[in-house]
Amino acid sequence: MDVSFVCSGEEPFEMEVGFFDTVQDIKEKLQSRRGWPAAAISLLHNGDVLADDVDGGGGIERHGIVEGSVIHVALVPDWPRLQPQRVKRSRPASKRRGEEGAARAPLLRVTVVSRCGAGRVEVAVAARAAVSALRAELERARGARFPLPGDGAYFFIHRQSVMDEARSFEWHGVATGDEVVVFDGSVTRAPAH
């Protein structure tokens, strides 16, 4: 059956997948067709992350994927650079205590959208990282991948709420597949009396 694949920054494309293909089979097909490392791919359908089928429990039909379905592809940015960092975590326990929050938090794949929809990029962030980490990541990707206001005056909205950049994504209730919108301007809060 033909299924459409959508990946940020790429043209959508169709690829034939088998009814009994597993999620891992599809990732391997994408690796051979597009050159993306299978281990760096997450697949989403109808807002749900498709879990790798490690138990051998059936093909993609159990995820509701049929002819003409659309699967979104999320790629871990800078995958080759991240690989060695995951292997070398051999600091003494005394030094790790302070980093436990963000370093061991699961990665969330969120879609960042500019206010008018001019830009759209998928970003992987640690659930317990401060939202300010997203600002730093977008600043690194400025221009080519994502349009940002030139003066740096912008803020983030998640589910119609302004995000406090000092708080974590987890605190804001951000989950994989969510959208974070970039708005021009700044937020001021009334002084506490």
Protein backbone atom coordinates (compact mmCIF):
# COMPACT_ATOMS: atom_id res chain seq x y z
CA MET A 1 0.00 0.00 0.00
CA ASP A 2 1.19 3.56 -0.68
CA VAL A 3 1.71 5.79 2.35
CA SER A 4 2.70 9.47 2.35
CA PHE A 5 5.66 10.57 4.46
CA VAL A 6 6.16 14.14 5.69
CA CYS A 7 9.41 15.37 7.22
CA SER A 8 10.15 18.97 8.13
CA GLY A 9 12.36 20.66 5.56
CA GLU A 10 11.73 17.95 2.95
CA GLU A 11 9.19 17.51 0.18
CA PRO A 12 6.45 15.01 1.12
CA PHE A 13 6.83 11.70 -0.69
CA GLU A 14 5.06 8.39 -1.09
CA MET A 15 6.55 5.01 -0.41
CA GLU A 16 5.09 1.54 -0.61
CA VAL A 17 4.93 -0.31 2.68
CA GLY A 18 3.61 -3.76 3.41
CA PHE A 19 0.52 -4.29 5.53
CA PHE A 20 2.54 -6.53 7.84
CA ASP A 21 5.67 -4.35 7.93
CA THR A 22 6.72 -3.39 11.43
CA VAL A 23 7.70 0.13 12.48
CA GLN A 24 11.33 -0.99 12.39
CA ASP A 25 10.85 -2.33 8.83
CA ILE A 26 9.58 1.09 7.72
CA LYS A 27 12.49 2.86 9.41
CA GLU A 28 14.91 0.57 7.57
CA LYS A 29 13.15 1.26 4.26
CA LEU A 30 13.45 5.00 4.94
CA GLN A 31 17.13 4.52 5.72
CA SER A 32 17.77 2.76 2.42
CA ARG A 33 15.65 5.21 0.39
CA ARG A 34 16.50 8.54 2.05
CA GLY A 35 19.76 7.82 3.87
CA TRP A 36 18.37 8.70 7.30
CA PRO A 37 19.75 6.48 10.09
CA ALA A 38 16.94 4.19 11.25
CA ALA A 39 17.93 4.76 14.88
CA ALA A 40 17.46 8.53 14.45
CA ILE A 41 13.89 8.25 13.11
CA SER A 42 10.64 8.56 15.01
CA LEU A 43 7.40 7.96 13.16
CA LEU A 44 4.12 9.67 14.09
CA HIS A 45 0.61 8.89 12.86
CA ASN A 46 -2.48 10.83 13.95
CA GLY A 47 -0.40 12.51 16.66
CA ASP A 48 0.83 9.25 18.19
CA VAL A 49 4.44 8.11 18.18
CA LEU A 50 4.65 4.67 16.59
CA ALA A 51 6.55 2.46 19.03
CA ASP A 52 9.17 0.09 17.68
CA ASP A 53 7.74 -3.41 17.50
CA VAL A 54 10.23 -5.22 19.72
CA ASP A 55 7.73 -7.87 20.79
CA GLY A 56 6.97 -8.98 17.23
CA GLY A 57 3.33 -8.10 17.85
CA GLY A 58 2.06 -7.44 14.35
CA GLY A 59 2.56 -4.92 11.60
CA ILE A 60 1.55 -1.35 11.08
CA GLU A 61 -2.10 -2.28 10.62
CA ARG A 62 -2.42 -2.26 14.40
CA HIS A 63 -1.56 1.46 14.32
CA GLY A 64 -4.46 2.19 11.95
CA ILE A 65 -2.25 2.81 8.92
CA VAL A 66 -4.02 2.10 5.64
CA GLU A 67 -3.62 3.02 1.96
CA GLY A 68 -3.17 6.81 1.69
CA SER A 69 -2.26 7.37 5.36
CA VAL A 70 0.16 10.14 6.24
CA ILE A 71 3.10 9.37 8.52
CA HIS A 72 5.19 12.21 9.93
CA VAL A 73 8.91 11.56 10.23
CA ALA A 74 10.86 13.19 13.07
CA LEU A 75 14.64 13.06 12.91
CA VAL A 76 16.94 13.51 15.88
CA PRO A 77 18.99 16.58 14.88
CA ASP A 78 22.75 16.12 14.50
CA TRP A 79 22.44 12.34 15.01
CA PRO A 80 26.09 11.45 14.30
CA ARG A 81 27.27 14.05 16.78
CA LEU A 82 24.92 12.77 19.50
CA GLN A 83 25.91 9.10 19.23
CA PRO A 84 29.30 9.28 21.00
CA GLN A 85 27.88 11.44 23.79
CA ARG A 86 25.39 8.73 24.73
CA VAL A 87 28.16 6.18 25.07
CA LYS A 88 30.54 8.17 27.25
CA ARG A 89 28.73 8.82 30.52
CA SER A 90 31.43 7.68 32.90
CA ARG A 91 31.64 10.57 35.35
CA PRO A 92 31.76 9.78 39.05
CA ALA A 93 28.34 9.61 40.72
CA SER A 94 29.19 12.65 42.86
CA LYS A 95 29.50 14.82 39.73
CA ARG A 96 26.35 13.39 38.12
CA ARG A 97 23.98 14.31 40.93
CA GLY A 98 23.67 17.90 39.81
CA GLU A 99 22.90 16.97 36.20
CA GLU A 100 20.29 14.30 36.79
CA GLY A 101 17.34 16.52 35.84
CA ALA A 102 17.87 17.47 32.21
CA ALA A 103 20.55 14.91 31.31
CA ARG A 104 18.45 11.85 32.10
CA ALA A 105 15.09 13.21 30.99
CA PRO A 106 13.50 11.62 27.95
CA LEU A 107 13.73 13.49 24.65
CA LEU A 108 10.57 15.12 23.34
CA ARG A 109 10.15 15.78 19.65
CA VAL A 110 8.20 19.00 19.22
CA THR A 111 7.33 21.02 16.15
CA VAL A 112 8.22 24.71 16.38
CA VAL A 113 6.07 26.91 14.15
CA SER A 114 6.57 30.60 13.33
CA ARG A 115 3.53 32.77 13.99
CA CYS A 116 2.43 33.05 10.37
CA GLY A 117 3.44 29.52 9.50
CA ALA A 118 6.40 30.72 7.42
CA GLY A 119 8.70 28.29 9.18
CA ARG A 120 8.28 24.85 10.68
CA VAL A 121 11.00 22.72 12.24
CA GLU A 122 11.05 19.58 14.37
CA VAL A 123 13.33 19.78 17.39
CA ALA A 124 14.30 17.22 20.03
CA VAL A 125 14.46 18.66 23.56
CA ALA A 126 14.91 17.11 27.00
CA ALA A 127 11.63 17.05 28.93
CA ARG A 128 13.26 18.55 32.03
CA ALA A 129 15.30 21.17 30.15
CA ALA A 130 14.35 24.81 30.54
CA VAL A 131 12.44 26.32 27.62
CA SER A 132 15.40 28.68 27.17
CA ALA A 133 17.22 25.67 25.63
CA LEU A 134 14.77 25.86 22.72
CA ARG A 135 15.71 29.50 22.15
CA ALA A 136 19.40 28.51 22.03
CA GLU A 137 18.67 25.67 19.57
CA LEU A 138 16.65 27.96 17.28
CA GLU A 139 19.35 30.63 17.37
CA ARG A 140 21.85 28.01 16.13
CA ALA A 141 19.47 27.11 13.29
CA ARG A 142 18.67 30.75 12.48
CA GLY A 143 18.09 31.65 8.84
CA ALA A 144 18.46 28.51 6.77
CA ARG A 145 16.13 26.27 8.72
CA PHE A 146 13.85 28.66 10.59
CA PRO A 147 12.98 32.36 10.30
CA LEU A 148 13.31 34.28 13.58
CA PRO A 149 12.76 37.99 14.35
CA GLY A 150 16.06 39.82 13.82
CA ASP A 151 16.12 41.58 17.18
CA GLY A 152 15.63 38.41 19.25
CA ALA A 153 12.35 39.74 20.67
CA TYR A 154 10.08 36.70 20.59
CA PHE A 155 8.42 34.31 23.00
CA PHE A 156 6.89 30.83 22.91
CA ILE A 157 3.27 29.71 23.14
CA HIS A 158 2.15 26.15 23.94
CA ARG A 159 -1.55 25.32 23.93
CA GLN A 160 -2.51 29.02 24.04
CA SER A 161 -0.32 29.72 27.08
CA VAL A 162 2.86 31.79 27.23
CA MET A 163 5.82 29.61 28.17
CA ASP A 164 8.10 30.75 30.98
CA GLU A 165 11.62 30.16 29.62
CA ALA A 166 12.97 29.44 33.10
CA ARG A 167 10.58 26.50 33.51
CA SER A 168 10.92 23.05 31.93
CA PHE A 169 8.99 21.58 29.03
CA GLU A 170 7.67 18.99 31.47
CA TRP A 171 6.35 21.76 33.74
CA HIS A 172 4.48 23.24 30.76
CA GLY A 173 2.95 19.84 29.91
CA VAL A 174 4.72 19.57 26.55
CA ALA A 175 4.60 16.09 25.02
CA THR A 176 6.11 14.53 21.91
CA GLY A 177 4.24 15.68 18.82
CA ASP A 178 3.09 18.99 20.37
CA GLU A 179 3.50 22.31 18.61
CA VAL A 180 5.26 25.32 20.10
CA VAL A 181 4.52 28.61 18.33
CA VAL A 182 7.03 31.49 18.12
CA PHE A 183 5.43 34.95 18.53
CA ASP A 184 7.16 38.26 17.78
CA GLY A 185 7.44 40.66 20.71
CA SER A 186 7.98 40.26 24.41
CA VAL A 187 5.92 39.46 27.47
CA THR A 188 5.73 41.80 30.43
CA ARG A 189 4.09 40.90 33.68
CA ALA A 190 2.33 43.31 35.97
CA PRO A 191 4.36 44.07 39.10
CA ALA A 192 3.25 42.23 42.24
CA HIS A 193 1.79 44.56 44.87
